[in-house]
N, C-alpha and C. Protein backbone atom coordinates (compact mmCIF):
# COMPACT_ATOMS: atom_id res chain seq x y z
N MET A 1 31.42 160.57 186.71
CA MET A 1 31.01 161.45 187.61
C MET A 1 31.08 162.76 187.14
N THR A 2 30.06 163.57 187.20
CA THR A 2 29.79 164.94 186.60
C THR A 2 30.41 165.82 187.60
N SER A 3 31.30 166.73 187.00
CA SER A 3 31.90 167.78 187.92
C SER A 3 31.18 169.12 187.75
N VAL A 4 31.16 170.03 188.65
CA VAL A 4 30.47 171.05 188.67
C VAL A 4 31.05 172.14 187.71
N SER A 5 32.24 172.21 187.36
CA SER A 5 32.76 173.00 186.44
C SER A 5 32.20 172.54 184.96
N ARG A 6 32.16 171.18 184.85
CA ARG A 6 31.61 170.68 183.58
C ARG A 6 30.19 171.11 183.39
N ILE A 7 29.29 170.95 184.46
CA ILE A 7 27.96 171.42 184.49
C ILE A 7 27.70 172.78 184.05
N PHE A 8 28.64 173.63 184.58
CA PHE A 8 28.49 175.05 184.33
C PHE A 8 29.03 175.40 182.59
N LYS A 9 30.01 174.71 182.44
CA LYS A 9 30.42 174.93 181.04
C LYS A 9 29.19 174.44 180.08
N ASN A 10 28.63 173.33 180.36
CA ASN A 10 27.59 172.72 179.65
C ASN A 10 26.42 173.67 179.59
N GLY A 11 25.95 174.23 180.64
CA GLY A 11 24.79 175.12 180.80
C GLY A 11 24.84 176.51 180.23
N ILE A 12 26.13 176.96 180.44
CA ILE A 12 26.31 178.29 179.84
C ILE A 12 26.74 178.40 178.32
N VAL A 13 27.70 177.63 178.06
CA VAL A 13 28.44 177.53 176.77
C VAL A 13 27.88 176.41 175.81
N GLU A 14 28.20 175.21 176.08
CA GLU A 14 27.92 174.29 175.12
C GLU A 14 26.60 174.01 174.71
N ASN A 15 25.70 173.80 175.78
CA ASN A 15 24.32 173.47 175.70
C ASN A 15 23.25 174.79 176.17
N ASN A 16 23.87 175.77 175.78
CA ASN A 16 22.98 177.08 176.18
C ASN A 16 21.77 176.74 175.72
N PRO A 17 20.58 176.97 176.86
CA PRO A 17 19.23 176.66 176.47
C PRO A 17 18.64 177.39 175.28
N LEU A 18 19.01 178.79 175.34
CA LEU A 18 18.34 179.61 174.32
C LEU A 18 19.08 179.45 172.93
N PHE A 19 20.42 179.63 172.86
CA PHE A 19 21.10 179.72 171.51
C PHE A 19 21.64 178.33 171.02
N VAL A 20 21.56 177.38 171.75
CA VAL A 20 22.13 176.06 171.22
C VAL A 20 20.88 175.16 171.15
N GLN A 21 20.08 174.84 172.17
CA GLN A 21 18.90 174.17 172.21
C GLN A 21 17.76 174.61 171.81
N ALA A 22 17.76 175.87 171.78
CA ALA A 22 16.41 176.66 171.15
C ALA A 22 15.32 176.26 172.16
N LEU A 23 15.42 176.27 173.40
CA LEU A 23 14.26 176.05 174.28
C LEU A 23 13.89 177.43 174.98
N GLY A 24 12.73 177.61 175.52
CA GLY A 24 12.32 178.79 176.00
C GLY A 24 12.08 179.90 175.18
N LEU A 25 11.89 179.67 173.81
CA LEU A 25 11.90 180.71 172.67
C LEU A 25 10.74 181.74 172.96
N CYS A 26 9.67 181.25 173.36
CA CYS A 26 8.19 181.97 173.55
C CYS A 26 8.54 183.19 174.44
N PRO A 27 9.00 182.84 175.84
CA PRO A 27 9.31 184.10 176.72
C PRO A 27 10.52 185.08 176.37
N ALA A 28 11.38 184.29 175.62
CA ALA A 28 12.71 184.98 175.02
C ALA A 28 12.26 185.95 173.96
N LEU A 29 11.37 185.81 173.09
CA LEU A 29 11.07 186.49 172.05
C LEU A 29 9.99 187.67 172.62
N ALA A 30 9.15 187.37 173.56
CA ALA A 30 8.13 188.23 173.93
C ALA A 30 8.59 189.25 174.95
N VAL A 31 9.40 188.87 175.99
CA VAL A 31 9.63 189.65 176.99
C VAL A 31 11.04 190.42 176.80
N THR A 32 11.68 190.19 175.95
CA THR A 32 13.01 190.89 175.86
C THR A 32 12.95 192.16 174.95
N THR A 33 11.90 192.95 175.22
CA THR A 33 12.06 194.14 174.86
C THR A 33 12.94 195.33 175.39
N SER A 34 13.56 194.78 176.56
CA SER A 34 14.54 195.50 177.32
C SER A 34 15.47 194.52 178.07
N ALA A 35 16.82 194.99 178.24
CA ALA A 35 17.62 194.20 178.98
C ALA A 35 17.06 193.90 180.41
N SER A 36 16.72 194.76 180.99
CA SER A 36 16.03 194.58 182.42
C SER A 36 14.94 193.45 182.39
N ASN A 37 13.95 193.48 181.35
CA ASN A 37 13.09 192.50 181.35
C ASN A 37 13.50 191.16 181.19
N GLY A 38 14.71 191.12 180.46
CA GLY A 38 15.31 189.68 180.16
C GLY A 38 15.99 189.24 181.40
N LEU A 39 16.52 190.15 182.12
CA LEU A 39 17.42 189.91 183.45
C LEU A 39 16.16 189.38 184.33
N GLY A 40 15.10 189.95 184.40
CA GLY A 40 13.86 189.66 185.31
C GLY A 40 13.53 188.29 185.04
N MET A 41 13.31 188.05 183.76
CA MET A 41 12.81 186.82 183.31
C MET A 41 13.75 185.68 183.66
N GLY A 42 15.09 185.85 183.54
CA GLY A 42 16.04 184.94 183.63
C GLY A 42 16.22 184.56 185.08
N ILE A 43 16.16 185.61 185.89
CA ILE A 43 16.20 185.40 187.40
C ILE A 43 15.08 184.61 187.79
N ALA A 44 13.89 184.83 187.26
CA ALA A 44 12.52 183.92 187.73
C ALA A 44 12.81 182.79 187.31
N THR A 45 13.14 182.35 186.16
CA THR A 45 13.47 181.14 185.60
C THR A 45 14.53 180.20 186.42
N THR A 46 15.69 180.90 186.50
CA THR A 46 16.75 180.30 187.38
C THR A 46 16.23 179.96 188.75
N SER A 47 15.54 180.77 189.29
CA SER A 47 15.03 180.46 190.75
C SER A 47 14.15 179.21 190.88
N VAL A 48 13.26 179.10 189.73
CA VAL A 48 12.48 178.05 189.84
C VAL A 48 13.31 176.75 189.33
N LEU A 49 14.16 176.81 188.44
CA LEU A 49 14.95 175.70 187.99
C LEU A 49 15.93 175.26 189.17
N ILE A 50 16.44 175.99 190.15
CA ILE A 50 17.17 175.66 191.05
C ILE A 50 16.31 174.84 192.15
N CYS A 51 15.22 175.49 192.68
CA CYS A 51 14.26 174.94 193.52
C CYS A 51 13.80 173.67 193.12
N SER A 52 13.27 173.57 192.04
CA SER A 52 12.48 172.27 191.52
C SER A 52 13.48 171.23 191.26
N ASN A 53 14.75 171.57 190.71
CA ASN A 53 15.62 170.52 190.71
C ASN A 53 16.17 169.99 192.01
N VAL A 54 16.29 170.76 192.93
CA VAL A 54 16.62 170.20 194.32
C VAL A 54 15.51 169.24 194.72
N VAL A 55 14.36 169.80 194.83
CA VAL A 55 13.23 168.95 195.40
C VAL A 55 13.02 167.75 194.57
N ILE A 56 13.21 167.70 193.23
CA ILE A 56 12.99 166.52 192.49
C ILE A 56 14.04 165.61 192.58
N SER A 57 15.25 166.09 192.79
CA SER A 57 16.24 165.07 193.08
C SER A 57 16.12 164.47 194.43
N LEU A 58 15.52 165.14 195.39
CA LEU A 58 15.27 164.49 196.59
C LEU A 58 14.39 163.34 196.70
N ILE A 59 13.24 163.79 195.94
CA ILE A 59 12.08 162.72 195.99
C ILE A 59 11.95 161.75 194.77
N ALA A 60 12.78 162.03 193.96
CA ALA A 60 12.52 161.26 192.36
C ALA A 60 12.38 159.57 192.77
N ARG A 61 13.22 159.24 193.67
CA ARG A 61 13.24 157.69 193.79
C ARG A 61 11.97 157.19 194.43
N PHE A 62 11.14 158.05 195.06
CA PHE A 62 9.93 157.60 195.68
C PHE A 62 8.64 157.91 194.84
N ILE A 63 8.97 158.39 193.57
CA ILE A 63 7.77 158.75 192.69
C ILE A 63 7.59 157.50 191.63
N PRO A 64 6.59 156.94 191.56
CA PRO A 64 6.22 155.94 190.52
C PRO A 64 6.62 156.36 189.24
N GLN A 65 7.31 155.47 188.11
CA GLN A 65 7.66 155.90 186.98
C GLN A 65 6.46 156.43 186.20
N ASN A 66 5.31 155.82 186.14
CA ASN A 66 4.17 156.19 185.38
C ASN A 66 3.61 157.59 185.71
N VAL A 67 3.85 158.01 186.97
CA VAL A 67 3.17 159.44 187.19
C VAL A 67 4.44 160.32 187.48
N ARG A 68 5.58 160.07 187.09
CA ARG A 68 6.60 160.96 187.31
C ARG A 68 6.59 162.36 186.72
N ILE A 69 6.03 162.44 185.44
CA ILE A 69 5.88 163.68 184.80
C ILE A 69 4.83 164.75 185.34
N PRO A 70 3.54 164.19 185.74
CA PRO A 70 2.64 165.05 186.48
C PRO A 70 3.04 165.50 187.69
N CYS A 71 3.82 164.65 188.49
CA CYS A 71 4.36 164.97 189.87
C CYS A 71 5.46 166.20 189.75
N TYR A 72 6.37 165.96 188.57
CA TYR A 72 7.15 167.04 188.49
C TYR A 72 6.49 168.45 188.10
N ILE A 73 5.48 168.35 187.22
CA ILE A 73 4.67 169.58 186.97
C ILE A 73 4.11 170.28 188.09
N VAL A 74 3.59 169.46 189.04
CA VAL A 74 3.10 170.08 190.27
C VAL A 74 4.04 170.66 191.07
N ILE A 75 5.42 169.88 191.22
CA ILE A 75 6.47 170.63 191.93
C ILE A 75 6.87 172.02 191.51
N ILE A 76 6.99 172.01 189.96
CA ILE A 76 7.31 173.20 189.32
C ILE A 76 6.38 174.29 189.49
N ALA A 77 5.12 173.85 189.27
CA ALA A 77 3.99 174.83 189.33
C ALA A 77 3.78 175.59 190.77
N THR A 78 4.19 174.53 191.84
CA THR A 78 4.18 175.21 193.04
C THR A 78 5.18 176.21 193.40
N PHE A 79 6.40 176.04 192.82
CA PHE A 79 7.48 176.93 192.96
C PHE A 79 7.09 178.25 192.10
N VAL A 80 6.60 178.08 190.88
CA VAL A 80 6.20 179.27 190.03
C VAL A 80 5.08 180.06 190.75
N THR A 81 4.09 179.48 191.40
CA THR A 81 3.23 180.15 192.23
C THR A 81 3.76 180.94 193.23
N MET A 82 4.58 180.35 194.00
CA MET A 82 5.23 180.96 194.98
C MET A 82 6.15 182.41 194.45
N LEU A 83 6.75 182.09 193.22
CA LEU A 83 7.46 183.15 192.72
C LEU A 83 6.50 184.39 192.31
N GLU A 84 5.44 183.76 191.70
CA GLU A 84 4.41 184.85 191.22
C GLU A 84 4.03 185.67 192.42
N PHE A 85 3.82 185.12 193.46
CA PHE A 85 3.20 185.95 194.63
C PHE A 85 4.47 186.91 195.27
N VAL A 86 5.69 186.47 195.14
CA VAL A 86 6.69 187.26 195.63
C VAL A 86 7.01 188.23 194.66
N LEU A 87 6.91 188.26 193.39
CA LEU A 87 7.10 189.38 192.50
C LEU A 87 6.06 190.22 192.57
N ALA A 88 4.66 189.73 192.57
CA ALA A 88 3.53 190.70 192.86
C ALA A 88 3.68 191.51 193.96
N ALA A 89 4.23 191.04 195.13
CA ALA A 89 4.28 191.75 196.28
C ALA A 89 5.36 192.68 196.45
N TYR A 90 6.58 192.25 195.87
CA TYR A 90 7.80 192.99 196.10
C TYR A 90 8.31 193.74 194.80
N VAL A 91 7.89 193.34 193.69
CA VAL A 91 8.50 193.96 192.42
C VAL A 91 7.34 193.99 191.34
N PRO A 92 6.13 194.60 191.74
CA PRO A 92 4.95 194.73 190.77
C PRO A 92 5.21 195.28 189.51
N ALA A 93 6.14 196.08 189.16
CA ALA A 93 6.46 196.69 187.99
C ALA A 93 6.93 195.48 186.98
N LEU A 94 7.92 194.71 187.60
CA LEU A 94 8.60 193.69 186.85
C LEU A 94 7.39 192.58 186.60
N ASN A 95 6.59 192.30 187.48
CA ASN A 95 5.56 191.20 187.36
C ASN A 95 4.63 191.55 186.42
N GLN A 96 4.29 192.95 186.27
CA GLN A 96 3.41 193.32 185.21
C GLN A 96 4.07 193.36 183.92
N ALA A 97 5.33 193.76 183.77
CA ALA A 97 6.00 193.63 182.54
C ALA A 97 6.24 192.21 181.89
N LEU A 98 6.29 191.17 182.71
CA LEU A 98 6.51 189.82 182.44
C LEU A 98 5.24 189.25 182.16
N GLY A 99 4.14 189.75 182.78
CA GLY A 99 2.79 189.26 182.72
C GLY A 99 2.66 187.62 182.74
N ILE A 100 2.03 187.09 181.76
CA ILE A 100 1.45 185.78 181.64
C ILE A 100 2.73 185.00 181.53
N PHE A 101 4.04 185.28 181.28
CA PHE A 101 5.07 184.54 180.95
C PHE A 101 5.62 184.06 182.27
N ILE A 102 5.26 184.65 183.56
CA ILE A 102 5.80 184.16 184.90
C ILE A 102 5.09 182.80 184.85
N PRO A 103 3.54 182.75 184.95
CA PRO A 103 2.94 181.42 185.26
C PRO A 103 3.34 180.32 184.23
N LEU A 104 3.73 180.81 182.84
CA LEU A 104 4.08 179.91 181.93
C LEU A 104 5.52 179.11 182.20
N ILE A 105 6.14 179.81 183.17
CA ILE A 105 7.57 179.12 183.54
C ILE A 105 7.23 177.44 183.95
N ALA A 106 5.93 177.38 184.53
CA ALA A 106 5.66 175.93 184.78
C ALA A 106 5.76 175.07 183.75
N VAL A 107 5.60 175.42 182.40
CA VAL A 107 5.60 174.51 181.49
C VAL A 107 6.66 174.78 180.45
N ASN A 108 7.71 175.63 180.91
CA ASN A 108 8.93 175.79 180.15
C ASN A 108 9.65 174.64 179.95
N CYS A 109 10.07 174.47 178.54
CA CYS A 109 10.75 173.20 178.21
C CYS A 109 12.00 173.09 179.04
N ILE A 110 12.82 174.03 179.41
CA ILE A 110 14.06 174.12 179.98
C ILE A 110 13.86 173.43 181.48
N VAL A 111 12.76 173.96 182.08
CA VAL A 111 12.68 173.58 183.50
C VAL A 111 12.14 172.17 183.49
N MET A 112 11.21 171.69 182.64
CA MET A 112 10.68 170.41 182.61
C MET A 112 11.97 169.24 182.13
N GLY A 113 12.65 169.89 181.18
CA GLY A 113 13.68 169.04 180.48
C GLY A 113 14.83 168.70 181.57
N ARG A 114 15.14 169.66 182.51
CA ARG A 114 16.11 169.38 183.45
C ARG A 114 15.64 168.60 184.42
N ALA A 115 14.49 168.71 184.85
CA ALA A 115 13.93 167.86 185.89
C ALA A 115 14.07 166.40 185.46
N GLU A 116 13.59 166.16 184.16
CA GLU A 116 13.61 164.64 183.86
C GLU A 116 14.91 164.14 183.48
N SER A 117 15.85 164.87 182.72
CA SER A 117 17.09 164.43 182.36
C SER A 117 18.14 164.49 183.24
N PHE A 118 18.04 165.49 184.31
CA PHE A 118 19.33 165.76 185.23
C PHE A 118 18.78 165.51 186.60
N ALA A 119 17.83 166.19 187.12
CA ALA A 119 17.50 166.16 188.63
C ALA A 119 17.08 164.97 189.02
N SER A 120 16.23 164.11 188.20
CA SER A 120 15.83 162.91 188.57
C SER A 120 16.83 161.82 188.71
N LYS A 121 18.03 162.09 188.17
CA LYS A 121 19.01 161.23 188.08
C LYS A 121 20.30 161.37 188.96
N ASN A 122 20.20 162.52 189.54
CA ASN A 122 21.56 163.16 190.42
C ASN A 122 21.08 163.52 191.73
N GLY A 123 22.22 163.78 192.45
CA GLY A 123 22.00 164.33 193.79
C GLY A 123 21.54 165.61 193.85
N SER A 124 21.19 166.18 195.18
CA SER A 124 20.55 167.48 195.24
C SER A 124 21.60 168.44 195.00
N PHE A 125 23.02 168.53 195.29
CA PHE A 125 23.96 169.34 195.05
C PHE A 125 24.20 169.68 193.58
N LEU A 126 24.45 168.63 192.88
CA LEU A 126 24.47 168.41 191.38
C LEU A 126 23.30 169.08 190.50
N SER A 127 22.12 168.65 191.33
CA SER A 127 20.91 169.35 190.61
C SER A 127 21.10 170.74 190.65
N ALA A 128 21.25 171.33 192.03
CA ALA A 128 21.31 172.69 192.14
C ALA A 128 22.25 173.45 191.19
N ALA A 129 23.39 172.86 191.02
CA ALA A 129 24.45 173.49 190.24
C ALA A 129 23.98 173.38 188.75
N ASP A 130 23.33 172.30 188.40
CA ASP A 130 22.65 172.22 186.98
C ASP A 130 21.64 173.20 186.83
N GLY A 131 20.70 173.47 187.77
CA GLY A 131 19.77 174.43 187.70
C GLY A 131 20.36 175.83 187.54
N LEU A 132 21.22 176.23 188.35
CA LEU A 132 22.04 177.52 188.37
C LEU A 132 22.68 177.64 187.07
N ALA A 133 23.36 176.77 186.63
CA ALA A 133 24.33 176.66 185.16
C ALA A 133 23.23 177.04 184.19
N MET A 134 22.08 176.25 183.96
CA MET A 134 21.10 176.26 182.83
C MET A 134 20.48 177.80 183.14
N GLY A 135 20.10 178.03 184.29
CA GLY A 135 19.46 179.25 184.49
C GLY A 135 20.45 180.59 184.12
N LEU A 136 21.66 180.61 184.49
CA LEU A 136 22.66 181.62 183.95
C LEU A 136 22.73 181.51 182.53
N GLY A 137 22.78 180.38 181.78
CA GLY A 137 22.91 180.53 180.39
C GLY A 137 21.69 181.17 179.96
N PHE A 138 20.46 180.72 180.27
CA PHE A 138 19.44 181.36 179.74
C PHE A 138 19.22 182.93 180.04
N THR A 139 19.53 183.15 181.29
CA THR A 139 19.68 184.61 181.69
C THR A 139 20.52 185.49 180.78
N ALA A 140 21.73 184.85 180.56
CA ALA A 140 22.60 185.48 179.68
C ALA A 140 22.12 185.84 178.33
N GLY A 141 21.35 184.60 177.64
CA GLY A 141 20.74 184.90 176.44
C GLY A 141 19.78 185.96 176.42
N LEU A 142 19.04 185.87 177.39
CA LEU A 142 17.87 186.78 177.62
C LEU A 142 18.41 188.29 177.59
N VAL A 143 19.34 188.53 178.27
CA VAL A 143 19.89 189.89 178.69
C VAL A 143 20.56 190.28 177.41
N LEU A 144 21.28 189.33 176.76
CA LEU A 144 21.86 189.86 175.29
C LEU A 144 21.04 190.18 174.26
N LEU A 145 19.88 189.46 174.30
CA LEU A 145 18.89 189.70 173.30
C LEU A 145 18.20 190.86 173.55
N GLY A 146 17.72 190.92 174.87
CA GLY A 146 17.01 192.23 175.25
C GLY A 146 17.94 193.67 175.32
N GLY A 147 19.28 193.43 175.50
CA GLY A 147 20.13 194.65 175.41
C GLY A 147 20.39 195.11 174.02
N ILE A 148 20.48 194.17 173.10
CA ILE A 148 20.59 194.41 171.51
C ILE A 148 19.38 195.26 171.22
N ARG A 149 18.16 194.50 171.46
CA ARG A 149 16.95 195.18 171.02
C ARG A 149 16.63 196.54 171.64
N GLU A 150 16.96 196.59 172.84
CA GLU A 150 16.76 197.89 173.65
C GLU A 150 17.86 198.98 173.06
N ILE A 151 18.97 198.61 172.66
CA ILE A 151 19.84 199.68 172.21
C ILE A 151 19.65 200.24 170.99
N PHE A 152 19.21 199.34 170.05
CA PHE A 152 18.57 199.71 168.65
C PHE A 152 17.42 200.32 168.66
N GLY A 153 16.51 199.76 169.47
CA GLY A 153 15.19 200.12 169.48
C GLY A 153 14.76 201.52 170.18
N THR A 154 15.62 201.72 171.17
CA THR A 154 15.26 203.00 172.04
C THR A 154 16.47 203.82 172.26
N MET A 155 17.60 203.36 171.83
CA MET A 155 18.89 203.83 172.19
C MET A 155 19.15 204.07 173.56
N SER A 156 18.74 203.17 174.60
CA SER A 156 19.02 202.99 175.86
C SER A 156 19.34 201.74 176.11
N LEU A 157 20.05 201.47 177.43
CA LEU A 157 20.45 200.29 177.97
C LEU A 157 20.07 200.15 179.51
N PHE A 158 19.32 199.26 179.94
CA PHE A 158 18.90 199.08 181.28
C PHE A 158 18.14 200.46 181.76
N GLY A 159 17.41 201.05 180.74
CA GLY A 159 16.69 202.37 180.99
C GLY A 159 17.66 203.45 180.83
N PHE A 160 18.91 203.56 180.69
CA PHE A 160 19.72 204.64 180.66
C PHE A 160 19.95 205.06 179.17
N VAL A 161 19.65 206.45 178.94
CA VAL A 161 19.80 206.78 177.53
C VAL A 161 21.21 206.72 177.19
N ILE A 162 21.52 206.19 175.94
CA ILE A 162 22.75 206.00 175.30
C ILE A 162 23.28 207.25 174.36
N SER A 163 22.01 207.54 173.47
CA SER A 163 22.27 208.58 172.61
C SER A 163 20.83 209.31 172.36
N GLU A 164 20.88 210.53 172.24
CA GLU A 164 19.66 211.12 171.94
C GLU A 164 19.56 211.56 170.38
N THR A 165 20.92 211.50 169.79
CA THR A 165 20.91 212.00 168.23
C THR A 165 20.80 210.84 167.50
N PHE A 166 21.25 209.74 167.84
CA PHE A 166 21.10 208.66 166.86
C PHE A 166 19.74 208.17 166.75
N PRO A 167 19.41 207.70 165.53
CA PRO A 167 17.93 207.32 165.10
C PRO A 167 17.69 206.05 165.92
N GLN A 168 16.36 205.99 166.16
CA GLN A 168 15.91 204.87 167.01
C GLN A 168 15.34 203.92 165.80
N THR A 169 15.40 202.53 165.98
CA THR A 169 14.75 201.66 165.04
C THR A 169 13.65 200.97 165.91
N ILE A 170 12.40 201.47 165.87
CA ILE A 170 11.30 200.96 166.77
C ILE A 170 11.09 199.57 166.34
N ALA A 171 11.38 198.94 165.21
CA ALA A 171 11.00 197.67 164.82
C ALA A 171 11.87 196.74 165.64
N MET A 172 12.87 197.12 166.27
CA MET A 172 13.71 196.28 167.04
C MET A 172 12.99 195.93 168.40
N ILE A 173 12.05 196.70 168.82
CA ILE A 173 11.41 196.28 170.17
C ILE A 173 10.04 195.66 169.57
N LEU A 174 9.68 195.52 168.52
CA LEU A 174 8.51 194.78 167.95
C LEU A 174 8.87 193.47 167.94
N PRO A 175 7.87 192.52 167.55
CA PRO A 175 8.08 191.12 167.44
C PRO A 175 9.12 190.94 166.21
N PRO A 176 9.06 191.44 165.21
CA PRO A 176 10.01 191.27 164.06
C PRO A 176 11.49 191.42 164.47
N GLY A 177 11.69 192.39 165.30
CA GLY A 177 13.05 192.72 165.79
C GLY A 177 13.55 191.53 166.70
N ALA A 178 12.57 190.86 167.41
CA ALA A 178 13.03 189.77 168.27
C ALA A 178 13.45 188.71 167.35
N PHE A 179 12.73 188.23 166.28
CA PHE A 179 12.97 187.05 165.59
C PHE A 179 14.38 187.46 164.86
N ILE A 180 14.56 188.63 164.31
CA ILE A 180 15.75 188.89 163.42
C ILE A 180 16.83 188.69 164.49
N THR A 181 16.96 189.52 165.62
CA THR A 181 17.95 189.57 166.50
C THR A 181 18.35 188.13 167.02
N LEU A 182 17.36 187.44 167.37
CA LEU A 182 17.67 185.84 167.68
C LEU A 182 18.17 185.15 166.75
N ALA A 183 17.78 185.23 165.42
CA ALA A 183 18.26 184.49 164.31
C ALA A 183 19.88 184.88 164.06
N PHE A 184 20.20 186.15 164.05
CA PHE A 184 21.57 186.51 163.93
C PHE A 184 22.39 186.06 165.09
N LEU A 185 21.94 186.09 166.28
CA LEU A 185 22.68 185.69 167.51
C LEU A 185 22.90 184.23 167.38
N MET A 186 21.89 183.45 166.98
CA MET A 186 22.07 182.01 166.99
C MET A 186 23.09 181.72 165.88
N ALA A 187 23.00 182.25 164.78
CA ALA A 187 23.86 181.96 163.65
C ALA A 187 25.18 182.44 164.08
N LEU A 188 25.47 183.53 164.61
CA LEU A 188 26.84 183.79 165.22
C LEU A 188 27.26 182.92 166.18
N ILE A 189 26.59 182.48 167.19
CA ILE A 189 26.98 181.64 168.27
C ILE A 189 27.37 180.13 167.64
N ASN A 190 26.47 179.61 166.65
CA ASN A 190 26.87 178.46 166.00
C ASN A 190 28.07 178.53 165.12
N TYR A 191 28.27 179.49 164.44
CA TYR A 191 29.56 179.77 163.75
C TYR A 191 30.65 179.66 164.68
N LEU A 192 30.58 180.48 165.64
CA LEU A 192 31.93 180.47 166.79
C LEU A 192 32.13 179.09 167.21
N ARG A 193 30.94 178.29 167.60
CA ARG A 193 30.98 177.10 168.12
C ARG A 193 31.89 175.95 167.13
N ARG A 194 31.59 176.24 165.82
CA ARG A 194 31.99 175.43 164.92
C ARG A 194 33.38 175.71 164.60
N ARG A 195 33.90 176.98 164.76
CA ARG A 195 35.10 177.32 164.64
C ARG A 195 36.22 177.00 165.67
N THR A 196 35.52 176.88 166.90
CA THR A 196 36.47 176.40 168.05
C THR A 196 36.31 175.03 168.27
N ALA A 197 35.45 174.17 167.61
CA ALA A 197 35.51 172.75 167.76
C ALA A 197 36.57 172.03 167.03
């Protein structure tokens, strides 16, 4: 039996979607020009993860095996569409900043993978916990990546200026900065995981 604490440890630390499993790299590299963009993308993905996991766990036994993946995609895409409408109505600036990466949550490997490997085999409570844990792990990774890039790229964090005298490294908020920062973070996290194993 899987415990909730084990699910959270797995989603946030041991199998972090971004740093350990290297899933969701496309939005991670594209939208993390700031910590607030990373937070917004993380919350959006987490909400889709939780909702789709719960619905899939409730109806998985009624879906024939040979059409399960298309059914999962329809369920996930429904929640993504609802999320996109909510963001466009209530947070248009964030919706504009995240752009095409909101609709692409529907085919995000994290969401699809959790639907197939966890939600289809467990109850709704544990599936909701798994969605939240994986979402929090992904969100933490995006905020960390976006925060580092924003600090070095613009000398600010969450839009608040840290220093006006320290030089800005504009390359950090450009694509090369995303790849370099992610590589160093993944190397550091894998090193720490090996040290504590």
